[in-house]
């Protein structure tokens, strides 16, 4: 399954922020005692800088290496979907990176990709179809390679990434995890959304 996702790892500049309207700024300034000679443009610039510095101060020390899972057995594009499913179950993951012969990440295979390939909207629908027409689904899994079903390119994050880069990457896709890569795109690990949320206590935000 192909997508329009970019192959470039997220950068701190991609970090989503709360957008302040001129009305928000003017209302805030009215609540500050005394006179402030500052334009809404300058106020907004100060806010953006303060936002970035605050995040780095609070979360900067934690890098992706502390959170990512290593020892992951990635998939290759020629592996059939049934074997890929067994690998995902064995490793306890709902998605696995797909790499080429050099270990460079070229895609990601997830449960959602399985559903799309098997033309099912939900897991319940898939179960019903397995009951009704098991041979058809079995045939499709045995003869479909990962390369035909994966999402490519994959959203990834660079090793050494901090809070800003990690949260920016997660905001760019809805998956449960993403590959961690080096500067040449080689797989170094997998960062799971649930591990990121737990580490930064963001249960109510993401």
C-alpha atoms as a PDB file:
ATOM      1  CA  UNK A   1       0.000   0.000   0.000  1.00  0.00           C
ATOM      2  CA  UNK A   2       1.593   3.235  -1.107  1.00  0.00           C
ATOM      3  CA  UNK A   3       1.131   6.570   0.637  1.00  0.00           C
ATOM      4  CA  UNK A   4       2.216  10.173   0.266  1.00  0.00           C
ATOM      5  CA  UNK A   5       4.215  10.204   3.491  1.00  0.00           C
ATOM      6  CA  UNK A   6       7.620  11.814   3.236  1.00  0.00           C
ATOM      7  CA  UNK A   7      10.800   9.819   3.763  1.00  0.00           C
ATOM      8  CA  UNK A   8      12.492  12.681   5.589  1.00  0.00           C
ATOM      9  CA  UNK A   9      12.767  12.249   9.379  1.00  0.00           C
ATOM     10  CA  UNK A  10      10.925  14.834  11.440  1.00  0.00           C
ATOM     11  CA  UNK A  11      12.704  17.967  12.623  1.00  0.00           C
ATOM     12  CA  UNK A  12      12.105  20.174  15.638  1.00  0.00           C
ATOM     13  CA  UNK A  13      10.683  22.812  13.337  1.00  0.00           C
ATOM     14  CA  UNK A  14       7.802  20.476  12.494  1.00  0.00           C
ATOM     15  CA  UNK A  15       6.564  20.442  16.102  1.00  0.00           C
ATOM     16  CA  UNK A  16       2.882  21.419  16.240  1.00  0.00           C
ATOM     17  CA  UNK A  17       2.104  24.458  18.374  1.00  0.00           C
ATOM     18  CA  UNK A  18      -1.051  26.128  19.552  1.00  0.00           C
ATOM     19  CA  UNK A  19      -1.755  28.872  17.020  1.00  0.00           C
ATOM     20  CA  UNK A  20      -2.415  32.270  18.571  1.00  0.00           C
ATOM     21  CA  UNK A  21      -4.819  34.590  16.784  1.00  0.00           C
ATOM     22  CA  UNK A  22      -4.510  38.372  17.031  1.00  0.00           C
ATOM     23  CA  UNK A  23      -7.638  38.330  19.202  1.00  0.00           C
ATOM     24  CA  UNK A  24      -5.970  35.884  21.620  1.00  0.00           C
ATOM     25  CA  UNK A  25      -2.903  38.103  21.886  1.00  0.00           C
ATOM     26  CA  UNK A  26      -4.816  41.354  22.338  1.00  0.00           C
ATOM     27  CA  UNK A  27      -7.011  39.786  25.014  1.00  0.00           C
ATOM     28  CA  UNK A  28      -3.943  38.532  26.886  1.00  0.00           C
ATOM     29  CA  UNK A  29      -2.276  41.948  26.707  1.00  0.00           C
ATOM     30  CA  UNK A  30      -5.384  43.605  28.140  1.00  0.00           C
ATOM     31  CA  UNK A  31      -5.046  41.416  31.232  1.00  0.00           C
ATOM     32  CA  UNK A  32      -1.448  42.502  31.881  1.00  0.00           C
ATOM     33  CA  UNK A  33      -1.189  45.513  34.244  1.00  0.00           C
ATOM     34  CA  UNK A  34       0.447  48.571  32.736  1.00  0.00           C
ATOM     35  CA  UNK A  35       1.209  49.479  29.137  1.00  0.00           C
ATOM     36  CA  UNK A  36       3.036  47.102  26.785  1.00  0.00           C
ATOM     37  CA  UNK A  37       4.434  48.583  23.583  1.00  0.00           C
ATOM     38  CA  UNK A  38       4.616  45.452  21.426  1.00  0.00           C
ATOM     39  CA  UNK A  39       2.947  44.374  18.210  1.00  0.00           C
ATOM     40  CA  UNK A  40       0.979  41.154  17.846  1.00  0.00           C
ATOM     41  CA  UNK A  41       3.663  39.942  15.420  1.00  0.00           C
ATOM     42  CA  UNK A  42       6.447  40.438  17.987  1.00  0.00           C
ATOM     43  CA  UNK A  43       4.293  38.878  20.716  1.00  0.00           C
ATOM     44  CA  UNK A  44       3.728  35.802  18.539  1.00  0.00           C
ATOM     45  CA  UNK A  45       7.457  35.515  17.781  1.00  0.00           C
ATOM     46  CA  UNK A  46       8.272  35.620  21.509  1.00  0.00           C
ATOM     47  CA  UNK A  47       5.650  32.946  22.170  1.00  0.00           C
ATOM     48  CA  UNK A  48       7.102  30.602  19.547  1.00  0.00           C
ATOM     49  CA  UNK A  49      10.630  31.014  20.940  1.00  0.00           C
ATOM     50  CA  UNK A  50       9.467  30.516  24.519  1.00  0.00           C
ATOM     51  CA  UNK A  51       7.493  27.436  23.480  1.00  0.00           C
ATOM     52  CA  UNK A  52      10.551  25.836  21.868  1.00  0.00           C
ATOM     53  CA  UNK A  53      12.885  26.679  24.772  1.00  0.00           C
ATOM     54  CA  UNK A  54      10.415  25.379  27.368  1.00  0.00           C
ATOM     55  CA  UNK A  55      10.068  22.040  25.588  1.00  0.00           C
ATOM     56  CA  UNK A  56      13.825  21.628  25.308  1.00  0.00           C
ATOM     57  CA  UNK A  57      14.286  22.500  28.994  1.00  0.00           C
ATOM     58  CA  UNK A  58      11.607  20.051  30.145  1.00  0.00           C
ATOM     59  CA  UNK A  59      12.167  17.166  27.764  1.00  0.00           C
ATOM     60  CA  UNK A  60      15.517  17.778  26.060  1.00  0.00           C
ATOM     61  CA  UNK A  61      17.596  15.266  28.070  1.00  0.00           C
ATOM     62  CA  UNK A  62      15.540  12.258  26.907  1.00  0.00           C
ATOM     63  CA  UNK A  63      16.621  10.958  23.497  1.00  0.00           C
ATOM     64  CA  UNK A  64      15.018   8.344  21.287  1.00  0.00           C
ATOM     65  CA  UNK A  65      17.735   5.788  22.135  1.00  0.00           C
ATOM     66  CA  UNK A  66      16.353   5.565  25.690  1.00  0.00           C
ATOM     67  CA  UNK A  67      12.852   4.791  24.448  1.00  0.00           C
ATOM     68  CA  UNK A  68      13.249   2.728  21.291  1.00  0.00           C
ATOM     69  CA  UNK A  69      13.042  -1.039  21.215  1.00  0.00           C
ATOM     70  CA  UNK A  70      16.065  -2.811  19.769  1.00  0.00           C
ATOM     71  CA  UNK A  71      16.638  -6.343  18.563  1.00  0.00           C
ATOM     72  CA  UNK A  72      13.672  -6.044  16.208  1.00  0.00           C
ATOM     73  CA  UNK A  73      13.570  -8.558  13.357  1.00  0.00           C
ATOM     74  CA  UNK A  74      12.471  -6.494  10.336  1.00  0.00           C
ATOM     75  CA  UNK A  75      10.659  -7.793   7.287  1.00  0.00           C
ATOM     76  CA  UNK A  76      11.895  -7.865   3.712  1.00  0.00           C
ATOM     77  CA  UNK A  77       9.670  -7.048   0.731  1.00  0.00           C
ATOM     78  CA  UNK A  78       9.681 -10.587  -0.697  1.00  0.00           C
ATOM     79  CA  UNK A  79       8.341 -12.237   2.492  1.00  0.00           C
ATOM     80  CA  UNK A  80       4.737 -13.410   2.165  1.00  0.00           C
ATOM     81  CA  UNK A  81       2.031 -11.880   4.337  1.00  0.00           C
ATOM     82  CA  UNK A  82       1.328 -15.070   6.281  1.00  0.00           C
ATOM     83  CA  UNK A  83       4.988 -15.280   7.360  1.00  0.00           C
ATOM     84  CA  UNK A  84       4.975 -11.553   8.159  1.00  0.00           C
ATOM     85  CA  UNK A  85       1.920 -11.996  10.365  1.00  0.00           C
ATOM     86  CA  UNK A  86       3.634 -14.788  12.298  1.00  0.00           C
ATOM     87  CA  UNK A  87       6.698 -12.582  12.802  1.00  0.00           C
ATOM     88  CA  UNK A  88       4.573  -9.718  14.138  1.00  0.00           C
ATOM     89  CA  UNK A  89       2.794 -12.034  16.586  1.00  0.00           C
ATOM     90  CA  UNK A  90       6.060 -13.623  17.721  1.00  0.00           C
ATOM     91  CA  UNK A  91       7.620 -10.215  18.441  1.00  0.00           C
ATOM     92  CA  UNK A  92       4.494  -8.813  20.070  1.00  0.00           C
ATOM     93  CA  UNK A  93       4.265  -5.869  17.670  1.00  0.00           C
ATOM     94  CA  UNK A  94       1.406  -4.535  15.552  1.00  0.00           C
ATOM     95  CA  UNK A  95       3.742  -3.240  12.879  1.00  0.00           C
ATOM     96  CA  UNK A  96       7.232  -4.015  11.593  1.00  0.00           C
ATOM     97  CA  UNK A  97       9.728  -2.075   9.472  1.00  0.00           C
ATOM     98  CA  UNK A  98      10.509  -3.384   6.001  1.00  0.00           C
ATOM     99  CA  UNK A  99      14.164  -3.166   4.915  1.00  0.00           C
ATOM    100  CA  UNK A 100      16.103  -3.781   1.713  1.00  0.00           C
ATOM    101  CA  UNK A 101      19.203  -5.923   1.364  1.00  0.00           C
ATOM    102  CA  UNK A 102      21.365  -3.198   2.932  1.00  0.00           C
ATOM    103  CA  UNK A 103      19.157  -2.825   6.007  1.00  0.00           C
ATOM    104  CA  UNK A 104      17.729   0.499   4.820  1.00  0.00           C
ATOM    105  CA  UNK A 105      14.104   1.091   5.805  1.00  0.00           C
ATOM    106  CA  UNK A 106      11.856   1.170   2.737  1.00  0.00           C
ATOM    107  CA  UNK A 107       8.436   0.826   4.343  1.00  0.00           C
ATOM    108  CA  UNK A 108       6.300  -0.275   7.268  1.00  0.00           C
ATOM    109  CA  UNK A 109       3.810  -3.146   7.464  1.00  0.00           C
ATOM    110  CA  UNK A 110       1.012  -2.738  10.017  1.00  0.00           C
ATOM    111  CA  UNK A 111      -2.274  -4.367  10.964  1.00  0.00           C
ATOM    112  CA  UNK A 112      -4.028  -1.652   8.967  1.00  0.00           C
ATOM    113  CA  UNK A 113      -2.095  -2.682   5.854  1.00  0.00           C
ATOM    114  CA  UNK A 114      -3.327  -6.250   6.344  1.00  0.00           C
ATOM    115  CA  UNK A 115      -6.920  -5.030   6.569  1.00  0.00           C
ATOM    116  CA  UNK A 116      -6.572  -2.941   3.419  1.00  0.00           C
ATOM    117  CA  UNK A 117      -4.967  -5.789   1.491  1.00  0.00           C
ATOM    118  CA  UNK A 118      -7.669  -8.223   2.604  1.00  0.00           C
ATOM    119  CA  UNK A 119     -10.355  -5.652   1.799  1.00  0.00           C
ATOM    120  CA  UNK A 120     -11.704  -5.512   5.346  1.00  0.00           C
ATOM    121  CA  UNK A 121     -12.557  -2.284   7.159  1.00  0.00           C
ATOM    122  CA  UNK A 122     -12.213  -3.637  10.707  1.00  0.00           C
ATOM    123  CA  UNK A 123     -10.887  -6.686  12.544  1.00  0.00           C
ATOM    124  CA  UNK A 124     -14.470  -7.806  13.205  1.00  0.00           C
ATOM    125  CA  UNK A 125     -15.225  -7.665   9.485  1.00  0.00           C
ATOM    126  CA  UNK A 126     -12.073  -9.673   8.806  1.00  0.00           C
ATOM    127  CA  UNK A 127     -13.108 -12.335  11.330  1.00  0.00           C
ATOM    128  CA  UNK A 128     -16.523 -12.645   9.708  1.00  0.00           C
ATOM    129  CA  UNK A 129     -14.945 -13.055   6.286  1.00  0.00           C
ATOM    130  CA  UNK A 130     -12.588 -15.707   7.660  1.00  0.00           C
ATOM    131  CA  UNK A 131     -15.616 -17.643   8.874  1.00  0.00           C
ATOM    132  CA  UNK A 132     -17.512 -17.243   5.613  1.00  0.00           C
ATOM    133  CA  UNK A 133     -14.712 -17.612   3.028  1.00  0.00           C
ATOM    134  CA  UNK A 134     -11.523 -18.848   4.717  1.00  0.00           C
ATOM    135  CA  UNK A 135      -9.957 -20.186   1.503  1.00  0.00           C
ATOM    136  CA  UNK A 136     -10.031 -16.825  -0.264  1.00  0.00           C
ATOM    137  CA  UNK A 137      -8.186 -14.988   2.506  1.00  0.00           C
ATOM    138  CA  UNK A 138      -5.735 -17.831   2.992  1.00  0.00           C
ATOM    139  CA  UNK A 139      -4.854 -17.745  -0.708  1.00  0.00           C
ATOM    140  CA  UNK A 140      -4.332 -13.970  -0.610  1.00  0.00           C
ATOM    141  CA  UNK A 141      -1.943 -14.148   2.381  1.00  0.00           C
ATOM    142  CA  UNK A 142       0.094 -17.043   0.962  1.00  0.00           C
ATOM    143  CA  UNK A 143       0.685 -15.348  -2.381  1.00  0.00           C
ATOM    144  CA  UNK A 144       0.994 -11.651  -1.477  1.00  0.00           C
ATOM    145  CA  UNK A 145       4.507 -10.350  -0.681  1.00  0.00           C
ATOM    146  CA  UNK A 146       5.067  -7.692   1.956  1.00  0.00           C
ATOM    147  CA  UNK A 147       6.285  -5.287  -0.725  1.00  0.00           C
ATOM    148  CA  UNK A 148       2.814  -5.209  -2.274  1.00  0.00           C
ATOM    149  CA  UNK A 149       1.019  -4.470   1.004  1.00  0.00           C
ATOM    150  CA  UNK A 150       3.366  -2.250   3.028  1.00  0.00           C
ATOM    151  CA  UNK A 151       3.008   1.492   3.484  1.00  0.00           C
ATOM    152  CA  UNK A 152       5.889   3.202   1.710  1.00  0.00           C
ATOM    153  CA  UNK A 153       7.794   5.299   2.329  1.00  0.00           C
ATOM    154  CA  UNK A 154       7.662   5.034   6.114  1.00  0.00           C
ATOM    155  CA  UNK A 155       7.643   7.956   8.528  1.00  0.00           C
ATOM    156  CA  UNK A 156      10.852   7.560  10.532  1.00  0.00           C
ATOM    157  CA  UNK A 157      12.815   9.378  13.208  1.00  0.00           C
ATOM    158  CA  UNK A 158      16.592   9.800  13.397  1.00  0.00           C
ATOM    159  CA  UNK A 159      18.661   8.247  16.153  1.00  0.00           C
ATOM    160  CA  UNK A 160      19.661  11.031  18.534  1.00  0.00           C
ATOM    161  CA  UNK A 161      16.259  12.690  18.158  1.00  0.00           C
ATOM    162  CA  UNK A 162      14.829  14.492  21.165  1.00  0.00           C
ATOM    163  CA  UNK A 163      11.292  15.248  22.330  1.00  0.00           C
ATOM    164  CA  UNK A 164      10.535  17.795  19.611  1.00  0.00           C
ATOM    165  CA  UNK A 165      11.536  15.502  16.757  1.00  0.00           C
ATOM    166  CA  UNK A 166       9.708  12.513  18.225  1.00  0.00           C
ATOM    167  CA  UNK A 167       6.407  14.279  18.823  1.00  0.00           C
ATOM    168  CA  UNK A 168       6.599  15.945  15.396  1.00  0.00           C
ATOM    169  CA  UNK A 169       6.982  12.535  13.754  1.00  0.00           C
ATOM    170  CA  UNK A 170       4.044  11.073  15.676  1.00  0.00           C
ATOM    171  CA  UNK A 171       1.872  14.002  14.633  1.00  0.00           C
ATOM    172  CA  UNK A 172       2.619  13.170  10.995  1.00  0.00           C
ATOM    173  CA  UNK A 173       0.999   9.734  11.108  1.00  0.00           C
ATOM    174  CA  UNK A 174      -1.463   7.738  13.202  1.00  0.00           C
ATOM    175  CA  UNK A 175       0.516   4.515  13.497  1.00  0.00           C
ATOM    176  CA  UNK A 176       1.440   2.810  16.746  1.00  0.00           C
ATOM    177  CA  UNK A 177       5.150   2.971  16.038  1.00  0.00           C
ATOM    178  CA  UNK A 178       7.870   4.050  13.634  1.00  0.00           C
ATOM    179  CA  UNK A 179      11.386   3.004  12.650  1.00  0.00           C
ATOM    180  CA  UNK A 180      14.403   4.699  14.197  1.00  0.00           C
ATOM    181  CA  UNK A 181      17.121   5.120  11.565  1.00  0.00           C
ATOM    182  CA  UNK A 182      20.658   6.420  11.245  1.00  0.00           C
ATOM    183  CA  UNK A 183      21.724   9.135   8.839  1.00  0.00           C
ATOM    184  CA  UNK A 184      21.798   6.669   5.927  1.00  0.00           C
ATOM    185  CA  UNK A 185      18.364   5.228   6.686  1.00  0.00           C
ATOM    186  CA  UNK A 186      19.560   1.971   8.261  1.00  0.00           C
ATOM    187  CA  UNK A 187      17.240   0.507  10.893  1.00  0.00           C
ATOM    188  CA  UNK A 188      18.362   1.022  14.493  1.00  0.00           C
ATOM    189  CA  UNK A 189      15.162   0.239  16.384  1.00  0.00           C
ATOM    190  CA  UNK A 190      11.447   0.914  16.676  1.00  0.00           C
ATOM    191  CA  UNK A 191       9.824   3.688  18.717  1.00  0.00           C
ATOM    192  CA  UNK A 192       6.342   2.791  19.929  1.00  0.00           C
ATOM    193  CA  UNK A 193       3.767   5.497  20.534  1.00  0.00           C
ATOM    194  CA  UNK A 194       2.762   3.942  23.861  1.00  0.00           C
ATOM    195  CA  UNK A 195       6.381   3.975  25.113  1.00  0.00           C
ATOM    196  CA  UNK A 196       6.766   7.631  24.111  1.00  0.00           C
ATOM    197  CA  UNK A 197       3.503   8.637  25.807  1.00  0.00           C
ATOM    198  CA  UNK A 198       4.380   6.746  28.982  1.00  0.00           C
ATOM    199  CA  UNK A 199       7.900   8.202  29.199  1.00  0.00           C
ATOM    200  CA  UNK A 200       6.677  11.808  28.956  1.00  0.00           C
ATOM    201  CA  UNK A 201       3.381  11.280  30.831  1.00  0.00           C
ATOM    202  CA  UNK A 202       1.366  12.528  27.853  1.00  0.00           C
ATOM    203  CA  UNK A 203      -1.631  10.223  28.274  1.00  0.00           C
ATOM    204  CA  UNK A 204      -4.079  13.136  28.101  1.00  0.00           C
ATOM    205  CA  UNK A 205      -2.419  14.876  25.149  1.00  0.00           C
ATOM    206  CA  UNK A 206      -1.837  12.187  22.491  1.00  0.00           C
END
